[in-house]
Amino acid sequence: MFKLLKEILFLSWFLFLYCFIFYILKMTLNYDIDQNKIIGNSIKNVSFIQNPGVYEILDPINNKSYYGETSCIIKRLNIYIRTLKVGNHFCKDLQTAFNQQKNPNNFKYFIIAEGPEWEEKNKRVELQNQLISENKHRTYNTIQAKPSKIRKIEYHGMEYPNIREAVRKIKISRASLYRMLKNPNNKDVIYLENENEGISHGSIAIFAKKDSSPSLFFPSIKACIRAKFAKSVYEVHEKIKNKQTGWKYATVDPNGCPLRVIYVLKPGEISYENYLFQNNQTEI
């Protein structure tokens, strides 16, 4: 009898242990399943915000934006948010708008372009300036001063296209040449155009086409070559000279010569960067 009772107790203990282990395993399995659900549905990889790129800060009240570029998006936006909150952001108009918000969290922050392909600062600046130019009627960015002028000069009967070329060939210092040009009594060293004339110093903006793409705007010929629409400056000019479909200078003078001036896109026109962005592409 005692032996039977002992066996019953042993079996009861074994059954209890078995149920306890089964319960623990079930709970662990359910936890893993729940964790998988969380990872699949809630947690997102946002490491891309550490990339270089171009961003936009939007004021939803008046639909005005501030455009910027940076080598690390999250770092720059973090600095801007903190400086706005303490009231010392360098862009006074943006700071004033932020101060007028009933809810400081109203401002919206957008990443327009990001990734390792935006590590080159000049490329980011080109896109930033393009966005400012395209949206100058609704931007907080300070409008930069007008570009300087490239002016032809005459030095003792010899004509030079600009100061740099004259200094190089004459073997004279730039300061000395400027002094001569400013001297009204020196008739041998003069500007060939009036002070308000000349060609704007900057890049030649163009429209270019590749394969099945539409004619796309590039702020400079170098930008077009970087996008692999052409292999050289010469090729770009030849395509435009031969009136190849989709290729043209953005702005020209009455003689058809390209001008180095800021170009604002017209309705129906699109830039290369915006075309890539809209079509979720990295290149054409």
C-alpha atoms as a PDB file:
ATOM      1  CA  MET A   1       0.000   0.000   0.000  1.00  0.00           C
ATOM      2  CA  PHE A   2       2.755   2.403   0.928  1.00  0.00           C
ATOM      3  CA  LYS A   3       4.623   1.536  -2.236  1.00  0.00           C
ATOM      4  CA  LEU A   4       1.506   2.242  -4.348  1.00  0.00           C
ATOM      5  CA  LEU A   5       1.011   5.634  -2.669  1.00  0.00           C
ATOM      6  CA  LYS A   6       4.642   6.480  -3.329  1.00  0.00           C
ATOM      7  CA  GLU A   7       4.248   5.671  -7.028  1.00  0.00           C
ATOM      8  CA  ILE A   8       1.093   7.789  -7.245  1.00  0.00           C
ATOM      9  CA  LEU A   9       2.877  10.773  -5.683  1.00  0.00           C
ATOM     10  CA  PHE A  10       5.799  10.339  -8.062  1.00  0.00           C
ATOM     11  CA  LEU A  11       3.517  10.238 -11.095  1.00  0.00           C
ATOM     12  CA  SER A  12       1.623  13.315  -9.841  1.00  0.00           C
ATOM     13  CA  TRP A  13       4.871  15.221  -9.401  1.00  0.00           C
ATOM     14  CA  PHE A  14       6.063  14.151 -12.847  1.00  0.00           C
ATOM     15  CA  LEU A  15       2.755  15.264 -14.415  1.00  0.00           C
ATOM     16  CA  PHE A  16       2.946  18.613 -12.636  1.00  0.00           C
ATOM     17  CA  LEU A  17       6.530  19.151 -13.843  1.00  0.00           C
ATOM     18  CA  TYR A  18       5.544  18.211 -17.387  1.00  0.00           C
ATOM     19  CA  CYS A  19       2.640  20.721 -17.391  1.00  0.00           C
ATOM     20  CA  PHE A  20       4.840  23.442 -15.929  1.00  0.00           C
ATOM     21  CA  ILE A  21       7.518  22.955 -18.606  1.00  0.00           C
ATOM     22  CA  PHE A  22       4.866  22.900 -21.347  1.00  0.00           C
ATOM     23  CA  TYR A  23       3.409  26.176 -20.021  1.00  0.00           C
ATOM     24  CA  ILE A  24       6.816  27.862 -19.991  1.00  0.00           C
ATOM     25  CA  LEU A  25       7.563  26.733 -23.560  1.00  0.00           C
ATOM     26  CA  LYS A  26       4.192  27.988 -24.771  1.00  0.00           C
ATOM     27  CA  MET A  27       4.672  31.407 -23.197  1.00  0.00           C
ATOM     28  CA  THR A  28       8.146  31.665 -24.698  1.00  0.00           C
ATOM     29  CA  LEU A  29       6.835  30.752 -28.139  1.00  0.00           C
ATOM     30  CA  ASN A  30       4.033  33.308 -27.920  1.00  0.00           C
ATOM     31  CA  TYR A  31       6.524  35.952 -26.826  1.00  0.00           C
ATOM     32  CA  ASP A  32       8.699  35.187 -29.845  1.00  0.00           C
ATOM     33  CA  ILE A  33       5.682  35.445 -32.117  1.00  0.00           C
ATOM     34  CA  ASP A  34       4.702  38.779 -30.585  1.00  0.00           C
ATOM     35  CA  GLN A  35       8.238  40.039 -30.957  1.00  0.00           C
ATOM     36  CA  ASN A  36       8.211  39.055 -34.632  1.00  0.00           C
ATOM     37  CA  LYS A  37       4.977  40.967 -35.080  1.00  0.00           C
ATOM     38  CA  ILE A  38       6.518  44.035 -33.490  1.00  0.00           C
ATOM     39  CA  ILE A  39       9.646  43.829 -35.606  1.00  0.00           C
ATOM     40  CA  GLY A  40       7.640  43.291 -38.771  1.00  0.00           C
ATOM     41  CA  ASN A  41       5.031  46.004 -38.234  1.00  0.00           C
ATOM     42  CA  SER A  42       6.389  48.722 -35.955  1.00  0.00           C
ATOM     43  CA  ILE A  43      10.163  48.948 -35.976  1.00  0.00           C
ATOM     44  CA  LYS A  44      11.607  50.653 -39.068  1.00  0.00           C
ATOM     45  CA  ASN A  45      15.188  51.184 -40.141  1.00  0.00           C
ATOM     46  CA  VAL A  46      15.829  54.934 -40.021  1.00  0.00           C
ATOM     47  CA  SER A  47      19.622  54.811 -40.243  1.00  0.00           C
ATOM     48  CA  PHE A  48      19.346  56.626 -43.598  1.00  0.00           C
ATOM     49  CA  ILE A  49      18.844  59.913 -41.727  1.00  0.00           C
ATOM     50  CA  GLN A  50      22.558  59.818 -40.939  1.00  0.00           C
ATOM     51  CA  ASN A  51      23.304  60.145 -44.658  1.00  0.00           C
ATOM     52  CA  PRO A  52      24.264  63.359 -46.452  1.00  0.00           C
ATOM     53  CA  GLY A  53      21.472  65.003 -48.408  1.00  0.00           C
ATOM     54  CA  VAL A  54      19.092  67.902 -48.990  1.00  0.00           C
ATOM     55  CA  TYR A  55      16.160  68.662 -46.707  1.00  0.00           C
ATOM     56  CA  GLU A  56      13.135  70.957 -46.431  1.00  0.00           C
ATOM     57  CA  ILE A  57      11.572  72.624 -43.389  1.00  0.00           C
ATOM     58  CA  LEU A  58       7.940  73.469 -44.163  1.00  0.00           C
ATOM     59  CA  ASP A  59       5.749  76.000 -42.393  1.00  0.00           C
ATOM     60  CA  PRO A  60       2.244  74.533 -42.991  1.00  0.00           C
ATOM     61  CA  ILE A  61       0.522  77.789 -42.013  1.00  0.00           C
ATOM     62  CA  ASN A  62       1.733  79.749 -45.043  1.00  0.00           C
ATOM     63  CA  ASN A  63       3.281  76.932 -47.104  1.00  0.00           C
ATOM     64  CA  LYS A  64       6.705  78.574 -47.026  1.00  0.00           C
ATOM     65  CA  SER A  65       9.841  76.424 -46.860  1.00  0.00           C
ATOM     66  CA  TYR A  66      13.471  76.554 -45.912  1.00  0.00           C
ATOM     67  CA  TYR A  67      15.852  74.412 -48.022  1.00  0.00           C
ATOM     68  CA  GLY A  68      19.249  73.211 -46.849  1.00  0.00           C
ATOM     69  CA  GLU A  69      22.004  70.693 -47.477  1.00  0.00           C
ATOM     70  CA  THR A  70      24.201  68.797 -45.051  1.00  0.00           C
ATOM     71  CA  SER A  71      26.677  65.953 -44.684  1.00  0.00           C
ATOM     72  CA  CYS A  72      24.494  64.418 -41.927  1.00  0.00           C
ATOM     73  CA  ILE A  73      20.748  65.034 -42.051  1.00  0.00           C
ATOM     74  CA  ILE A  74      19.858  64.019 -38.495  1.00  0.00           C
ATOM     75  CA  LYS A  75      22.664  66.085 -37.000  1.00  0.00           C
ATOM     76  CA  ARG A  76      21.719  69.215 -38.955  1.00  0.00           C
ATOM     77  CA  LEU A  77      17.990  68.951 -38.231  1.00  0.00           C
ATOM     78  CA  ASN A  78      18.699  68.320 -34.556  1.00  0.00           C
ATOM     79  CA  ILE A  79      20.799  71.500 -34.408  1.00  0.00           C
ATOM     80  CA  TYR A  80      18.142  73.515 -36.250  1.00  0.00           C
ATOM     81  CA  ILE A  81      15.325  72.310 -34.004  1.00  0.00           C
ATOM     82  CA  ARG A  82      17.318  73.189 -30.888  1.00  0.00           C
ATOM     83  CA  THR A  83      18.337  76.641 -32.177  1.00  0.00           C
ATOM     84  CA  LEU A  84      14.747  77.403 -33.213  1.00  0.00           C
ATOM     85  CA  LYS A  85      13.464  76.422 -29.777  1.00  0.00           C
ATOM     86  CA  VAL A  86      15.974  78.668 -27.991  1.00  0.00           C
ATOM     87  CA  GLY A  87      15.339  81.500 -30.474  1.00  0.00           C
ATOM     88  CA  ASN A  88      18.724  82.002 -32.111  1.00  0.00           C
ATOM     89  CA  HIS A  89      18.444  80.431 -35.570  1.00  0.00           C
ATOM     90  CA  PHE A  90      20.532  82.383 -38.089  1.00  0.00           C
ATOM     91  CA  CYS A  91      17.619  82.643 -40.573  1.00  0.00           C
ATOM     92  CA  LYS A  92      15.619  85.451 -38.963  1.00  0.00           C
ATOM     93  CA  ASP A  93      12.484  84.954 -41.095  1.00  0.00           C
ATOM     94  CA  LEU A  94      12.365  81.251 -40.234  1.00  0.00           C
ATOM     95  CA  GLN A  95      12.885  82.039 -36.554  1.00  0.00           C
ATOM     96  CA  THR A  96      10.089  84.635 -36.605  1.00  0.00           C
ATOM     97  CA  ALA A  97       7.724  82.133 -38.229  1.00  0.00           C
ATOM     98  CA  PHE A  98       8.639  79.496 -35.628  1.00  0.00           C
ATOM     99  CA  ASN A  99       7.997  81.947 -32.780  1.00  0.00           C
ATOM    100  CA  GLN A 100       4.522  82.671 -34.166  1.00  0.00           C
ATOM    101  CA  GLN A 101       3.495  79.000 -34.144  1.00  0.00           C
ATOM    102  CA  LYS A 102       0.870  78.142 -31.533  1.00  0.00           C
ATOM    103  CA  ASN A 103       2.310  74.646 -31.497  1.00  0.00           C
ATOM    104  CA  PRO A 104       6.124  74.474 -31.926  1.00  0.00           C
ATOM    105  CA  ASN A 105       5.719  71.004 -33.435  1.00  0.00           C
ATOM    106  CA  ASN A 106       3.748  72.373 -36.399  1.00  0.00           C
ATOM    107  CA  PHE A 107       6.858  72.634 -38.570  1.00  0.00           C
ATOM    108  CA  LYS A 108       7.245  69.695 -40.963  1.00  0.00           C
ATOM    109  CA  TYR A 109      10.635  68.232 -41.867  1.00  0.00           C
ATOM    110  CA  PHE A 110      11.189  66.469 -45.204  1.00  0.00           C
ATOM    111  CA  ILE A 111      14.203  64.714 -46.703  1.00  0.00           C
ATOM    112  CA  ILE A 112      14.271  65.548 -50.408  1.00  0.00           C
ATOM    113  CA  ALA A 113      17.402  63.610 -51.338  1.00  0.00           C
ATOM    114  CA  GLU A 114      19.744  61.404 -49.306  1.00  0.00           C
ATOM    115  CA  GLY A 115      22.327  58.684 -49.674  1.00  0.00           C
ATOM    116  CA  PRO A 116      26.039  58.096 -50.294  1.00  0.00           C
ATOM    117  CA  GLU A 117      25.652  59.562 -53.790  1.00  0.00           C
ATOM    118  CA  TRP A 118      25.143  62.974 -52.155  1.00  0.00           C
ATOM    119  CA  GLU A 119      28.501  63.057 -50.363  1.00  0.00           C
ATOM    120  CA  GLU A 120      29.809  65.685 -52.811  1.00  0.00           C
ATOM    121  CA  LYS A 121      28.954  69.082 -51.348  1.00  0.00           C
ATOM    122  CA  ASN A 122      28.785  70.851 -54.733  1.00  0.00           C
ATOM    123  CA  LYS A 123      26.118  68.393 -55.865  1.00  0.00           C
ATOM    124  CA  ARG A 124      24.036  69.074 -52.751  1.00  0.00           C
ATOM    125  CA  VAL A 125      24.443  72.829 -53.105  1.00  0.00           C
ATOM    126  CA  GLU A 126      23.311  72.672 -56.742  1.00  0.00           C
ATOM    127  CA  LEU A 127      20.081  70.908 -55.773  1.00  0.00           C
ATOM    128  CA  GLN A 128      19.532  73.232 -52.810  1.00  0.00           C
ATOM    129  CA  ASN A 129      19.987  76.353 -54.972  1.00  0.00           C
ATOM    130  CA  GLN A 130      17.761  74.871 -57.647  1.00  0.00           C
ATOM    131  CA  LEU A 131      14.977  74.320 -55.101  1.00  0.00           C
ATOM    132  CA  ILE A 132      15.406  77.862 -53.788  1.00  0.00           C
ATOM    133  CA  SER A 133      15.250  79.249 -57.325  1.00  0.00           C
ATOM    134  CA  GLU A 134      12.191  77.176 -58.248  1.00  0.00           C
ATOM    135  CA  ASN A 135      10.375  78.200 -55.057  1.00  0.00           C
ATOM    136  CA  LYS A 136      11.691  81.731 -54.515  1.00  0.00           C
ATOM    137  CA  HIS A 137       8.109  83.000 -54.119  1.00  0.00           C
ATOM    138  CA  ARG A 138       7.660  80.757 -51.042  1.00  0.00           C
ATOM    139  CA  THR A 139      11.061  80.322 -49.422  1.00  0.00           C
ATOM    140  CA  TYR A 140      12.618  81.526 -46.187  1.00  0.00           C
ATOM    141  CA  ASN A 141      16.103  81.238 -47.651  1.00  0.00           C
ATOM    142  CA  THR A 142      17.914  84.525 -48.061  1.00  0.00           C
ATOM    143  CA  ILE A 143      18.169  85.551 -51.692  1.00  0.00           C
ATOM    144  CA  GLN A 144      21.843  85.807 -52.542  1.00  0.00           C
ATOM    145  CA  ALA A 145      23.375  88.908 -54.050  1.00  0.00           C
ATOM    146  CA  LYS A 146      23.542  89.278 -57.795  1.00  0.00           C
ATOM    147  CA  PRO A 147      26.516  87.504 -59.361  1.00  0.00           C
ATOM    148  CA  SER A 148      29.608  89.435 -60.324  1.00  0.00           C
ATOM    149  CA  LYS A 149      30.374  90.294 -63.937  1.00  0.00           C
ATOM    150  CA  ILE A 150      33.060  89.033 -66.286  1.00  0.00           C
ATOM    151  CA  ARG A 151      34.218  92.055 -68.244  1.00  0.00           C
ATOM    152  CA  LYS A 152      36.549  92.348 -71.189  1.00  0.00           C
ATOM    153  CA  ILE A 153      39.462  94.742 -70.932  1.00  0.00           C
ATOM    154  CA  GLU A 154      41.900  96.433 -73.277  1.00  0.00           C
ATOM    155  CA  TYR A 155      45.541  96.759 -72.247  1.00  0.00           C
ATOM    156  CA  HIS A 156      47.686  98.947 -74.526  1.00  0.00           C
ATOM    157  CA  GLY A 157      45.715  97.970 -77.596  1.00  0.00           C
ATOM    158  CA  MET A 158      45.419  94.250 -76.739  1.00  0.00           C
ATOM    159  CA  GLU A 159      41.999  92.820 -75.877  1.00  0.00           C
ATOM    160  CA  TYR A 160      41.526  90.236 -73.103  1.00  0.00           C
ATOM    161  CA  PRO A 161      38.301  88.393 -72.216  1.00  0.00           C
ATOM    162  CA  ASN A 162      38.703  88.938 -68.465  1.00  0.00           C
ATOM    163  CA  ILE A 163      41.010  90.119 -65.675  1.00  0.00           C
ATOM    164  CA  ARG A 164      42.399  86.654 -64.994  1.00  0.00           C
ATOM    165  CA  GLU A 165      43.490  86.113 -68.579  1.00  0.00           C
ATOM    166  CA  ALA A 166      45.072  89.560 -68.763  1.00  0.00           C
ATOM    167  CA  VAL A 167      47.043  88.990 -65.542  1.00  0.00           C
ATOM    168  CA  ARG A 168      48.268  85.634 -66.797  1.00  0.00           C
ATOM    169  CA  LYS A 169      49.487  86.885 -70.175  1.00  0.00           C
ATOM    170  CA  ILE A 170      50.776  90.327 -69.218  1.00  0.00           C
ATOM    171  CA  LYS A 171      52.600  89.007 -66.146  1.00  0.00           C
ATOM    172  CA  ILE A 172      51.272  91.774 -63.934  1.00  0.00           C
ATOM    173  CA  SER A 173      49.693  91.642 -60.503  1.00  0.00           C
ATOM    174  CA  ARG A 174      45.932  91.761 -60.214  1.00  0.00           C
ATOM    175  CA  ALA A 175      46.137  94.726 -57.810  1.00  0.00           C
ATOM    176  CA  SER A 176      48.235  96.751 -60.266  1.00  0.00           C
ATOM    177  CA  LEU A 177      45.837  96.026 -63.101  1.00  0.00           C
ATOM    178  CA  TYR A 178      42.842  97.084 -61.007  1.00  0.00           C
ATOM    179  CA  ARG A 179      44.593 100.351 -60.123  1.00  0.00           C
ATOM    180  CA  MET A 180      45.153 101.083 -63.806  1.00  0.00           C
ATOM    181  CA  LEU A 181      41.548 100.292 -64.664  1.00  0.00           C
ATOM    182  CA  LYS A 182      40.250 102.595 -61.917  1.00  0.00           C
ATOM    183  CA  ASN A 183      42.471 105.471 -63.029  1.00  0.00           C
ATOM    184  CA  PRO A 184      40.289 107.688 -65.273  1.00  0.00           C
ATOM    185  CA  ASN A 185      43.400 109.328 -66.782  1.00  0.00           C
ATOM    186  CA  ASN A 186      44.827 106.029 -68.010  1.00  0.00           C
ATOM    187  CA  LYS A 187      43.322 105.610 -71.474  1.00  0.00           C
ATOM    188  CA  ASP A 188      45.554 102.649 -72.358  1.00  0.00           C
ATOM    189  CA  VAL A 189      43.964 100.275 -69.810  1.00  0.00           C
ATOM    190  CA  ILE A 190      40.175 100.298 -69.947  1.00  0.00           C
ATOM    191  CA  TYR A 191      37.086  98.150 -69.679  1.00  0.00           C
ATOM    192  CA  LEU A 192      35.528  97.447 -73.078  1.00  0.00           C
ATOM    193  CA  GLU A 193      31.984  97.546 -71.709  1.00  0.00           C
ATOM    194  CA  ASN A 194      30.083  99.886 -69.455  1.00  0.00           C
ATOM    195  CA  GLU A 195      30.150  99.032 -65.775  1.00  0.00           C
ATOM    196  CA  ASN A 196      26.613  97.595 -65.826  1.00  0.00           C
ATOM    197  CA  GLU A 197      27.274  95.411 -68.845  1.00  0.00           C
ATOM    198  CA  GLY A 198      29.069  92.121 -69.172  1.00  0.00           C
ATOM    199  CA  ILE A 199      28.318  88.472 -68.727  1.00  0.00           C
ATOM    200  CA  SER A 200      27.085  87.112 -65.425  1.00  0.00           C
ATOM    201  CA  HIS A 201      29.686  84.982 -63.714  1.00  0.00           C
ATOM    202  CA  GLY A 202      28.237  81.536 -63.064  1.00  0.00           C
ATOM    203  CA  SER A 203      27.248  78.358 -64.874  1.00  0.00           C
ATOM    204  CA  ILE A 204      25.570  77.798 -68.205  1.00  0.00           C
ATOM    205  CA  ALA A 205      22.231  76.111 -67.524  1.00  0.00           C
ATOM    206  CA  ILE A 206      20.995  73.678 -70.172  1.00  0.00           C
ATOM    207  CA  PHE A 207      18.264  71.213 -71.048  1.00  0.00           C
ATOM    208  CA  ALA A 208      19.334  67.712 -72.087  1.00  0.00           C
ATOM    209  CA  LYS A 209      17.706  64.426 -73.050  1.00  0.00           C
ATOM    210  CA  LYS A 210      18.835  60.818 -72.749  1.00  0.00           C
ATOM    211  CA  ASP A 211      17.122  57.719 -74.163  1.00  0.00           C
ATOM    212  CA  SER A 212      13.387  57.875 -73.331  1.00  0.00           C
ATOM    213  CA  SER A 213      13.643  60.655 -70.746  1.00  0.00           C
ATOM    214  CA  PRO A 214      12.013  64.050 -71.307  1.00  0.00           C
ATOM    215  CA  SER A 215      14.154  67.129 -71.819  1.00  0.00           C
ATOM    216  CA  LEU A 216      15.562  67.767 -68.329  1.00  0.00           C
ATOM    217  CA  PHE A 217      17.044  70.893 -66.766  1.00  0.00           C
ATOM    218  CA  PHE A 218      20.635  70.977 -65.516  1.00  0.00           C
ATOM    219  CA  PRO A 219      21.979  74.015 -63.616  1.00  0.00           C
ATOM    220  CA  SER A 220      25.367  73.550 -65.284  1.00  0.00           C
ATOM    221  CA  ILE A 221      27.123  71.620 -68.041  1.00  0.00           C
ATOM    222  CA  LYS A 222      29.210  69.837 -65.394  1.00  0.00           C
ATOM    223  CA  ALA A 223      26.025  68.561 -63.756  1.00  0.00           C
ATOM    224  CA  CYS A 224      24.911  67.190 -67.126  1.00  0.00           C
ATOM    225  CA  ILE A 225      28.229  65.373 -67.595  1.00  0.00           C
ATOM    226  CA  ARG A 226      28.102  63.961 -64.056  1.00  0.00           C
ATOM    227  CA  ALA A 227      24.667  62.535 -64.878  1.00  0.00           C
ATOM    228  CA  LYS A 228      26.286  60.795 -67.886  1.00  0.00           C
ATOM    229  CA  PHE A 229      24.139  62.596 -70.454  1.00  0.00           C
ATOM    230  CA  ALA A 230      27.361  63.611 -72.222  1.00  0.00           C
ATOM    231  CA  LYS A 231      31.054  62.808 -71.913  1.00  0.00           C
ATOM    232  CA  SER A 232      32.523  66.292 -72.355  1.00  0.00           C
ATOM    233  CA  VAL A 233      31.755  70.001 -72.548  1.00  0.00           C
ATOM    234  CA  TYR A 234      32.505  69.850 -76.257  1.00  0.00           C
ATOM    235  CA  GLU A 235      29.905  67.113 -76.771  1.00  0.00           C
ATOM    236  CA  VAL A 236      27.266  69.173 -74.951  1.00  0.00           C
ATOM    237  CA  HIS A 237      27.879  72.223 -77.150  1.00  0.00           C
ATOM    238  CA  GLU A 238      27.876  70.059 -80.285  1.00  0.00           C
ATOM    239  CA  LYS A 239      24.532  68.459 -79.408  1.00  0.00           C
ATOM    240  CA  ILE A 240      22.996  71.902 -78.878  1.00  0.00           C
ATOM    241  CA  LYS A 241      24.673  73.335 -81.984  1.00  0.00           C
ATOM    242  CA  ASN A 242      23.266  70.474 -84.079  1.00  0.00           C
ATOM    243  CA  LYS A 243      19.812  71.032 -82.523  1.00  0.00           C
ATOM    244  CA  GLN A 244      19.568  67.499 -81.215  1.00  0.00           C
ATOM    245  CA  THR A 245      16.111  66.773 -79.799  1.00  0.00           C
ATOM    246  CA  GLY A 246      15.754  67.850 -76.168  1.00  0.00           C
ATOM    247  CA  TRP A 247      19.072  69.725 -76.067  1.00  0.00           C
ATOM    248  CA  LYS A 248      19.247  73.519 -75.684  1.00  0.00           C
ATOM    249  CA  TYR A 249      20.698  76.325 -73.602  1.00  0.00           C
ATOM    250  CA  ALA A 250      18.318  77.479 -70.878  1.00  0.00           C
ATOM    251  CA  THR A 251      18.933  81.173 -71.613  1.00  0.00           C
ATOM    252  CA  VAL A 252      20.521  82.812 -74.644  1.00  0.00           C
ATOM    253  CA  ASP A 253      21.195  86.344 -75.858  1.00  0.00           C
ATOM    254  CA  PRO A 254      19.741  87.739 -79.127  1.00  0.00           C
ATOM    255  CA  ASN A 255      22.623  86.120 -81.018  1.00  0.00           C
ATOM    256  CA  GLY A 256      21.898  82.691 -79.586  1.00  0.00           C
ATOM    257  CA  CYS A 257      24.911  82.640 -77.260  1.00  0.00           C
ATOM    258  CA  PRO A 258      24.373  81.029 -73.830  1.00  0.00           C
ATOM    259  CA  LEU A 259      24.041  83.315 -70.817  1.00  0.00           C
ATOM    260  CA  ARG A 260      25.352  82.587 -67.324  1.00  0.00           C
ATOM    261  CA  VAL A 261      22.270  83.650 -65.386  1.00  0.00           C
ATOM    262  CA  ILE A 262      19.908  82.119 -62.840  1.00  0.00           C
ATOM    263  CA  TYR A 263      17.128  80.225 -64.606  1.00  0.00           C
ATOM    264  CA  VAL A 264      13.669  79.654 -63.111  1.00  0.00           C
ATOM    265  CA  LEU A 265      11.798  76.624 -64.429  1.00  0.00           C
ATOM    266  CA  LYS A 266       8.601  77.329 -66.345  1.00  0.00           C
ATOM    267  CA  PRO A 267       5.387  75.287 -66.048  1.00  0.00           C
ATOM    268  CA  GLY A 268       5.859  71.892 -67.663  1.00  0.00           C
ATOM    269  CA  GLU A 269       9.655  71.944 -67.283  1.00  0.00           C
ATOM    270  CA  ILE A 270      11.390  69.600 -64.848  1.00  0.00           C
ATOM    271  CA  SER A 271      14.904  69.308 -63.476  1.00  0.00           C
ATOM    272  CA  TYR A 272      17.003  66.156 -63.579  1.00  0.00           C
ATOM    273  CA  GLU A 273      17.038  65.817 -59.780  1.00  0.00           C
ATOM    274  CA  ASN A 274      13.261  66.214 -59.466  1.00  0.00           C
ATOM    275  CA  TYR A 275      12.718  63.712 -62.289  1.00  0.00           C
ATOM    276  CA  LEU A 276      14.813  61.126 -60.426  1.00  0.00           C
ATOM    277  CA  PHE A 277      13.012  61.908 -57.175  1.00  0.00           C
ATOM    278  CA  GLN A 278       9.542  61.579 -58.727  1.00  0.00           C
ATOM    279  CA  ASN A 279      10.445  58.291 -60.418  1.00  0.00           C
ATOM    280  CA  ASN A 280      12.361  56.888 -57.432  1.00  0.00           C
ATOM    281  CA  GLN A 281      15.537  56.486 -59.493  1.00  0.00           C
ATOM    282  CA  THR A 282      19.204  57.117 -58.746  1.00  0.00           C
ATOM    283  CA  GLU A 283      20.231  57.755 -62.344  1.00  0.00           C
ATOM    284  CA  ILE A 284      19.014  57.469 -65.923  1.00  0.00           C
END
